N, C-alpha and C. Protein backbone atom coordinates (compact mmCIF):
# COMPACT_ATOMS: atom_id res chain seq x y z
N MET A 1 -4.90 16.39 -10.61
CA MET A 1 -4.96 16.10 -9.23
C MET A 1 -4.79 14.39 -9.31
N LYS A 2 -4.07 13.93 -8.41
CA LYS A 2 -3.92 12.67 -8.12
C LYS A 2 -5.04 11.54 -7.85
N ARG A 3 -5.08 10.52 -7.58
CA ARG A 3 -6.12 9.55 -7.58
C ARG A 3 -5.65 8.69 -6.66
N ILE A 4 -6.37 8.72 -5.76
CA ILE A 4 -5.52 7.36 -4.36
C ILE A 4 -6.76 6.83 -4.25
N LEU A 5 -6.48 4.85 -4.05
CA LEU A 5 -7.39 4.53 -3.56
C LEU A 5 -7.09 3.57 -2.07
N ILE A 6 -7.79 3.64 -0.97
CA ILE A 6 -7.44 3.27 0.09
C ILE A 6 -8.04 2.02 0.41
N ILE A 7 -7.49 0.50 0.08
CA ILE A 7 -8.38 -0.41 0.58
C ILE A 7 -8.07 -0.96 1.80
N ASP A 8 -9.08 -0.73 2.96
CA ASP A 8 -8.92 -1.25 4.29
C ASP A 8 -10.38 -1.24 4.80
N ASP A 9 -10.49 -2.48 5.63
CA ASP A 9 -11.68 -2.72 6.26
C ASP A 9 -11.69 -2.07 7.65
N GLU A 10 -10.95 -1.02 8.07
CA GLU A 10 -11.22 -0.27 9.19
C GLU A 10 -11.76 1.16 8.70
N GLU A 11 -12.66 1.42 8.43
CA GLU A 11 -13.76 2.30 7.98
C GLU A 11 -12.85 3.65 8.44
N ASP A 12 -13.11 3.79 9.88
CA ASP A 12 -12.34 4.98 10.14
C ASP A 12 -11.29 5.40 9.93
N PHE A 13 -10.15 4.43 9.94
CA PHE A 13 -8.74 4.51 9.23
C PHE A 13 -8.88 5.46 7.91
N ALA A 14 -9.72 4.54 7.34
CA ALA A 14 -9.83 4.84 5.55
C ALA A 14 -10.39 6.23 5.75
N ARG A 15 -11.13 6.94 6.24
CA ARG A 15 -12.00 8.30 6.47
C ARG A 15 -10.93 9.04 6.79
N PHE A 16 -10.09 8.57 8.00
CA PHE A 16 -9.20 9.35 8.66
C PHE A 16 -7.82 9.99 7.17
N ILE A 17 -7.31 8.85 6.45
CA ILE A 17 -6.49 8.98 5.43
C ILE A 17 -7.07 9.85 4.23
N LYS A 18 -8.62 9.35 4.06
CA LYS A 18 -8.88 10.27 2.66
C LYS A 18 -9.35 11.44 3.09
N LYS A 19 -9.63 11.79 4.29
CA LYS A 19 -9.84 13.04 4.18
C LYS A 19 -8.56 14.32 4.61
N ASN A 20 -7.43 13.48 5.46
CA ASN A 20 -6.38 14.29 5.22
C ASN A 20 -5.56 14.31 3.59
N LEU A 21 -5.46 13.26 2.87
CA LEU A 21 -5.36 13.29 1.79
C LEU A 21 -5.89 14.66 0.79
N GLU A 22 -7.51 14.55 1.09
CA GLU A 22 -7.76 15.89 0.17
C GLU A 22 -7.91 16.90 0.77
N GLU A 23 -7.67 17.00 1.76
CA GLU A 23 -7.12 18.29 2.45
C GLU A 23 -6.18 19.10 1.99
N THR A 24 -4.63 18.15 1.42
CA THR A 24 -3.66 18.59 0.76
C THR A 24 -4.27 19.48 -0.66
N GLY A 25 -5.10 19.06 -1.09
CA GLY A 25 -5.38 19.51 -2.52
C GLY A 25 -4.33 18.68 -3.50
N GLU A 26 -4.15 18.24 -3.11
CA GLU A 26 -3.42 17.42 -4.27
C GLU A 26 -3.92 15.97 -5.01
N PHE A 27 -4.65 15.37 -3.88
CA PHE A 27 -5.42 14.05 -4.12
C PHE A 27 -6.76 14.12 -4.08
N LYS A 28 -7.29 12.87 -4.77
CA LYS A 28 -8.70 12.75 -4.72
C LYS A 28 -8.50 11.16 -4.32
N ALA A 29 -9.34 10.90 -3.18
CA ALA A 29 -9.05 9.56 -2.77
C ALA A 29 -10.42 8.75 -2.48
N GLU A 30 -10.79 7.60 -2.63
CA GLU A 30 -11.74 6.77 -2.30
C GLU A 30 -11.67 5.46 -1.10
N MET A 31 -12.41 5.12 -1.41
CA MET A 31 -12.29 3.92 0.05
C MET A 31 -13.13 2.92 -0.54
N LEU A 32 -12.06 1.57 -0.18
CA LEU A 32 -12.66 0.34 -0.83
C LEU A 32 -12.77 -0.33 0.74
N ASN A 33 -13.61 -0.61 1.67
CA ASN A 33 -13.76 -1.47 2.40
C ASN A 33 -13.76 -2.84 2.85
N ASP A 34 -14.30 -3.19 1.00
CA ASP A 34 -14.19 -4.84 1.25
C ASP A 34 -13.85 -5.31 0.06
N ALA A 35 -12.39 -6.11 0.18
CA ALA A 35 -11.75 -6.06 -0.75
C ALA A 35 -12.03 -7.63 -1.54
N LYS A 36 -13.58 -8.01 -1.54
CA LYS A 36 -13.82 -9.19 -2.45
C LYS A 36 -13.91 -8.92 -3.99
N ASP A 37 -14.69 -7.23 -3.88
CA ASP A 37 -14.91 -7.04 -5.45
C ASP A 37 -13.52 -5.80 -5.67
N VAL A 38 -12.44 -6.62 -5.34
CA VAL A 38 -11.18 -5.32 -5.30
C VAL A 38 -10.64 -4.75 -6.97
N LEU A 39 -10.74 -6.05 -7.79
CA LEU A 39 -10.74 -5.59 -8.83
C LEU A 39 -11.76 -4.80 -10.24
N LYS A 40 -12.98 -5.19 -9.73
CA LYS A 40 -14.29 -4.22 -10.15
C LYS A 40 -13.76 -2.82 -9.70
N GLY A 41 -13.43 -2.49 -8.38
CA GLY A 41 -13.72 -1.52 -7.58
C GLY A 41 -12.36 -0.38 -8.29
N VAL A 42 -10.97 -1.30 -8.41
CA VAL A 42 -9.86 -0.45 -8.56
C VAL A 42 -10.24 -0.10 -9.95
N LYS A 43 -10.83 -0.99 -11.07
CA LYS A 43 -11.22 -0.39 -12.28
C LYS A 43 -11.91 0.43 -12.71
N LEU A 44 -13.04 0.80 -11.65
CA LEU A 44 -14.19 1.62 -11.47
C LEU A 44 -13.14 3.06 -11.61
N PHE A 45 -12.53 2.93 -10.47
CA PHE A 45 -11.95 4.29 -10.11
C PHE A 45 -10.47 4.35 -10.71
N MET A 46 -9.99 3.42 -11.54
CA MET A 46 -8.08 3.89 -12.01
C MET A 46 -7.68 4.67 -11.06
N PRO A 47 -7.21 4.77 -10.10
CA PRO A 47 -6.46 5.55 -9.38
C PRO A 47 -4.97 4.87 -9.69
N ASP A 48 -4.39 6.24 -9.18
CA ASP A 48 -2.46 6.46 -9.71
C ASP A 48 -1.84 5.61 -8.72
N LEU A 49 -2.41 5.44 -7.56
CA LEU A 49 -1.52 4.61 -6.47
C LEU A 49 -2.55 3.93 -5.25
N ILE A 50 -1.74 3.02 -4.56
CA ILE A 50 -3.16 2.49 -4.18
C ILE A 50 -2.63 2.04 -2.51
N LEU A 51 -3.33 2.52 -1.67
CA LEU A 51 -3.00 1.95 0.28
C LEU A 51 -3.82 0.95 0.18
N LEU A 52 -3.03 -0.22 0.69
CA LEU A 52 -3.42 -1.64 0.62
C LEU A 52 -3.12 -2.05 2.41
N ASP A 53 -4.32 -2.16 2.94
CA ASP A 53 -3.86 -3.19 4.16
C ASP A 53 -3.96 -4.38 3.81
N LEU A 54 -2.88 -5.16 4.74
CA LEU A 54 -2.74 -6.35 4.59
C LEU A 54 -3.96 -7.65 5.61
N VAL A 55 -4.60 -7.15 6.61
CA VAL A 55 -5.40 -7.85 7.21
C VAL A 55 -6.75 -7.70 7.35
N MET A 56 -7.41 -7.98 6.03
CA MET A 56 -9.31 -7.82 6.06
C MET A 56 -9.48 -9.38 6.06
N PRO A 57 -11.17 -9.23 6.27
CA PRO A 57 -11.87 -10.04 6.18
C PRO A 57 -12.02 -10.96 4.65
N ASP A 58 -12.18 -11.84 4.35
CA ASP A 58 -12.48 -12.58 3.24
C ASP A 58 -11.38 -12.64 2.44
N ILE A 59 -10.42 -11.62 2.39
CA ILE A 59 -9.20 -11.71 1.44
C ILE A 59 -8.45 -10.67 2.09
N GLY A 60 -6.91 -11.50 2.05
CA GLY A 60 -6.23 -10.31 2.21
C GLY A 60 -5.22 -9.50 1.32
N GLY A 61 -4.91 -8.69 2.08
CA GLY A 61 -3.68 -7.77 1.04
C GLY A 61 -2.74 -8.27 0.42
N LEU A 62 -1.88 -9.36 0.45
CA LEU A 62 -1.34 -9.97 -0.65
C LEU A 62 -2.28 -10.60 -1.22
N GLU A 63 -3.00 -11.27 -1.21
CA GLU A 63 -4.03 -11.74 -2.06
C GLU A 63 -4.50 -10.70 -3.10
N VAL A 64 -4.49 -9.56 -2.60
CA VAL A 64 -5.21 -8.58 -3.20
C VAL A 64 -4.09 -7.83 -4.72
N CYS A 65 -2.56 -8.02 -3.85
CA CYS A 65 -1.48 -8.09 -4.70
C CYS A 65 -1.52 -8.68 -5.82
N GLU A 66 -1.50 -9.92 -5.62
CA GLU A 66 -1.49 -11.01 -6.89
C GLU A 66 -2.63 -10.92 -7.76
N ILE A 67 -3.86 -10.39 -7.40
CA ILE A 67 -5.19 -10.38 -8.12
C ILE A 67 -4.79 -9.06 -8.94
N LEU A 68 -4.16 -7.98 -8.54
CA LEU A 68 -4.00 -6.95 -9.32
C LEU A 68 -2.72 -7.07 -10.29
N ASN A 69 -1.68 -7.86 -9.24
CA ASN A 69 -0.52 -8.06 -10.64
C ASN A 69 -1.09 -8.63 -11.72
N ASN A 70 -1.74 -9.86 -11.54
CA ASN A 70 -2.44 -10.61 -12.65
C ASN A 70 -3.45 -10.12 -13.51
N ASP A 71 -3.28 -8.77 -13.51
CA ASP A 71 -4.72 -8.21 -14.61
C ASP A 71 -3.84 -7.01 -15.31
N LYS A 72 -3.97 -6.97 -16.78
CA LYS A 72 -3.05 -6.05 -17.48
C LYS A 72 -3.43 -4.87 -17.15
N ASP A 73 -4.85 -4.48 -16.69
CA ASP A 73 -5.55 -2.88 -17.00
C ASP A 73 -4.89 -2.42 -15.12
N THR A 74 -4.22 -3.30 -14.37
CA THR A 74 -3.95 -2.44 -13.06
C THR A 74 -2.73 -3.17 -12.54
N GLN A 75 -1.73 -3.83 -12.86
CA GLN A 75 -0.74 -4.34 -12.97
C GLN A 75 0.13 -3.18 -12.57
N GLU A 76 -0.05 -2.14 -13.36
CA GLU A 76 1.10 -1.06 -13.19
C GLU A 76 1.03 0.19 -12.00
N ILE A 77 -0.33 -0.34 -11.62
CA ILE A 77 -0.60 0.75 -10.27
C ILE A 77 0.31 0.65 -9.23
N PRO A 78 0.77 1.45 -8.53
CA PRO A 78 2.08 1.27 -7.30
C PRO A 78 1.25 0.96 -5.85
N ILE A 79 1.64 -0.03 -5.39
CA ILE A 79 0.96 -0.28 -4.31
C ILE A 79 1.66 0.27 -2.52
N ILE A 80 1.45 0.80 -2.20
CA ILE A 80 2.07 1.29 -0.63
C ILE A 80 0.94 0.41 0.26
N ILE A 81 1.75 -0.76 0.92
CA ILE A 81 1.04 -1.50 2.29
C ILE A 81 1.02 -0.42 3.44
N VAL A 82 -0.22 -0.45 3.79
CA VAL A 82 -0.15 0.08 5.09
C VAL A 82 -1.05 -0.50 5.96
N SER A 83 -0.06 -1.37 6.93
CA SER A 83 -0.78 -2.37 8.02
C SER A 83 0.11 -2.39 9.92
N ALA A 84 -0.81 -3.27 10.28
CA ALA A 84 -0.35 -3.46 11.84
C ALA A 84 0.74 -4.49 11.37
N LEU A 85 0.87 -5.40 10.42
CA LEU A 85 1.76 -6.32 10.70
C LEU A 85 3.05 -5.67 10.51
N GLY A 86 4.25 -5.91 10.87
CA GLY A 86 5.35 -5.26 11.00
C GLY A 86 6.48 -6.17 10.50
N GLY A 87 5.88 -7.35 10.77
CA GLY A 87 6.93 -8.43 10.93
C GLY A 87 7.77 -8.90 9.61
N TYR A 88 8.99 -9.48 9.38
CA TYR A 88 10.16 -9.43 8.64
C TYR A 88 9.25 -10.60 7.84
N THR A 89 8.77 -11.20 7.87
CA THR A 89 8.26 -12.25 6.93
C THR A 89 7.01 -11.42 5.81
N ASP A 90 6.15 -10.85 6.64
CA ASP A 90 5.31 -10.13 6.08
C ASP A 90 5.52 -8.84 5.45
N ILE A 91 6.67 -8.18 5.76
CA ILE A 91 7.45 -7.40 4.71
C ILE A 91 7.88 -7.83 3.41
N LYS A 92 8.58 -8.86 3.75
CA LYS A 92 9.50 -9.34 2.88
C LYS A 92 8.40 -10.61 1.73
N ARG A 93 7.44 -10.87 1.89
CA ARG A 93 6.54 -11.30 0.75
C ARG A 93 5.80 -10.25 0.27
N ALA A 94 5.57 -8.90 0.45
CA ALA A 94 4.73 -7.99 0.20
C ALA A 94 5.93 -7.25 -0.77
N TYR A 95 6.91 -7.17 -0.48
CA TYR A 95 7.98 -6.56 -1.76
C TYR A 95 8.46 -7.48 -2.81
N LYS A 96 8.23 -8.96 -2.75
CA LYS A 96 7.92 -10.19 -3.51
C LYS A 96 6.95 -9.70 -4.52
N LEU A 97 6.10 -9.49 -4.29
CA LEU A 97 4.91 -9.05 -4.93
C LEU A 97 4.91 -7.82 -5.52
N GLY A 98 5.68 -6.93 -5.25
CA GLY A 98 6.06 -5.68 -6.16
C GLY A 98 5.67 -4.62 -5.25
N VAL A 99 5.57 -4.25 -4.23
CA VAL A 99 4.80 -3.01 -3.59
C VAL A 99 6.04 -2.51 -3.50
N ILE A 100 5.84 -0.74 -3.23
CA ILE A 100 6.62 0.13 -3.25
C ILE A 100 7.16 0.63 -2.06
N GLY A 101 6.30 0.14 -1.16
CA GLY A 101 6.18 1.17 0.22
C GLY A 101 5.76 0.08 1.00
N TYR A 102 6.06 0.39 2.10
CA TYR A 102 5.47 -0.31 3.47
C TYR A 102 5.26 0.29 4.44
N LEU A 103 4.61 0.83 5.27
CA LEU A 103 4.49 1.68 6.52
C LEU A 103 3.45 0.85 7.44
N THR A 104 4.00 0.90 8.83
CA THR A 104 3.42 0.15 9.61
C THR A 104 2.67 0.81 10.82
N LYS A 105 1.43 0.27 10.57
CA LYS A 105 0.17 1.03 11.87
C LYS A 105 0.54 0.91 13.16
N PRO A 106 0.56 2.00 14.00
CA PRO A 106 0.50 3.68 13.67
C PRO A 106 1.79 4.41 13.06
N PHE A 107 1.39 5.04 12.17
CA PHE A 107 2.54 6.14 11.50
C PHE A 107 1.97 7.35 11.98
N ASP A 108 3.12 8.41 11.65
CA ASP A 108 2.78 9.63 10.91
C ASP A 108 2.46 10.08 9.85
N PHE A 109 1.25 10.58 9.44
CA PHE A 109 0.91 11.40 8.25
C PHE A 109 1.73 11.88 7.40
N SER A 110 2.57 12.64 8.05
CA SER A 110 3.56 13.20 6.91
C SER A 110 4.40 12.52 6.40
N HIS A 111 4.90 11.17 7.27
CA HIS A 111 5.58 9.99 6.07
C HIS A 111 4.59 9.49 5.25
N LEU A 112 3.42 9.02 5.58
CA LEU A 112 3.09 8.80 4.35
C LEU A 112 2.51 9.52 3.48
N LEU A 113 2.74 10.69 3.20
CA LEU A 113 2.50 11.80 2.36
C LEU A 113 3.51 11.67 1.48
N ASP A 114 5.05 11.50 2.40
CA ASP A 114 6.31 11.28 1.75
C ASP A 114 6.22 10.23 0.71
N GLU A 115 5.88 8.99 0.96
CA GLU A 115 5.82 7.76 0.45
C GLU A 115 4.76 7.68 -0.46
N ILE A 116 3.67 8.51 -0.69
CA ILE A 116 2.70 9.04 -1.64
C ILE A 116 3.85 9.55 -2.68
N ARG A 117 4.19 10.57 -2.39
CA ARG A 117 5.08 11.88 -3.32
C ARG A 117 6.17 11.00 -4.16
N LYS A 118 6.68 10.24 -3.54
CA LYS A 118 8.02 9.45 -3.77
C LYS A 118 7.79 8.78 -5.05
N ALA A 119 6.78 7.52 -4.45
CA ALA A 119 6.03 6.46 -5.41
C ALA A 119 5.45 7.19 -6.55
N LEU A 120 4.88 8.05 -6.69
CA LEU A 120 4.03 8.87 -7.79
C LEU A 120 5.01 9.51 -8.93
N SER A 121 6.00 10.19 -7.89
CA SER A 121 7.35 10.81 -8.92
C SER A 121 8.10 9.79 -9.55
N ARG A 122 8.25 8.59 -9.03
CA ARG A 122 8.86 7.28 -9.54
C ARG A 122 7.71 6.81 -10.43
N LYS A 123 6.45 6.54 -10.47
CA LYS A 123 6.15 6.14 -11.91
C LYS A 123 5.82 7.12 -12.52
N GLU A 124 5.73 8.44 -12.68
CA GLU A 124 5.84 9.32 -13.43
C GLU A 124 7.08 9.44 -14.26
N GLY A 125 8.39 8.88 -13.81
CA GLY A 125 9.57 9.22 -13.98
C GLY A 125 9.88 8.04 -15.19
N LYS A 126 8.96 6.96 -15.22
CA LYS A 126 8.96 5.43 -15.69
C LYS A 126 8.86 5.95 -17.39
């Protein structure tokens, strides 16, 4: 069973994604609603993939990407951005930081599942 970490300050959204992911029977999902201790949270759960919001209090998603990219234990974990920000600049910056997918809220859950499965199969293919 693949482990997915949802990092999003919108608890209702994160809970919805967690519930739907786990109902597929393919995933174990955890939520992190505060990105302040992101490195500690990621290392505790050691996910196969991270779903990351960009707009959060205290620390933004792009900063989270940089933190994870600069740690040898977390730099290989694929990240898919799930954000209300859909501007070209935001998307370009995220991809420059190595994210492998970018979905703009709101989105269709089946599209998210497709992106997650693609990302995980790419990771396994390395």
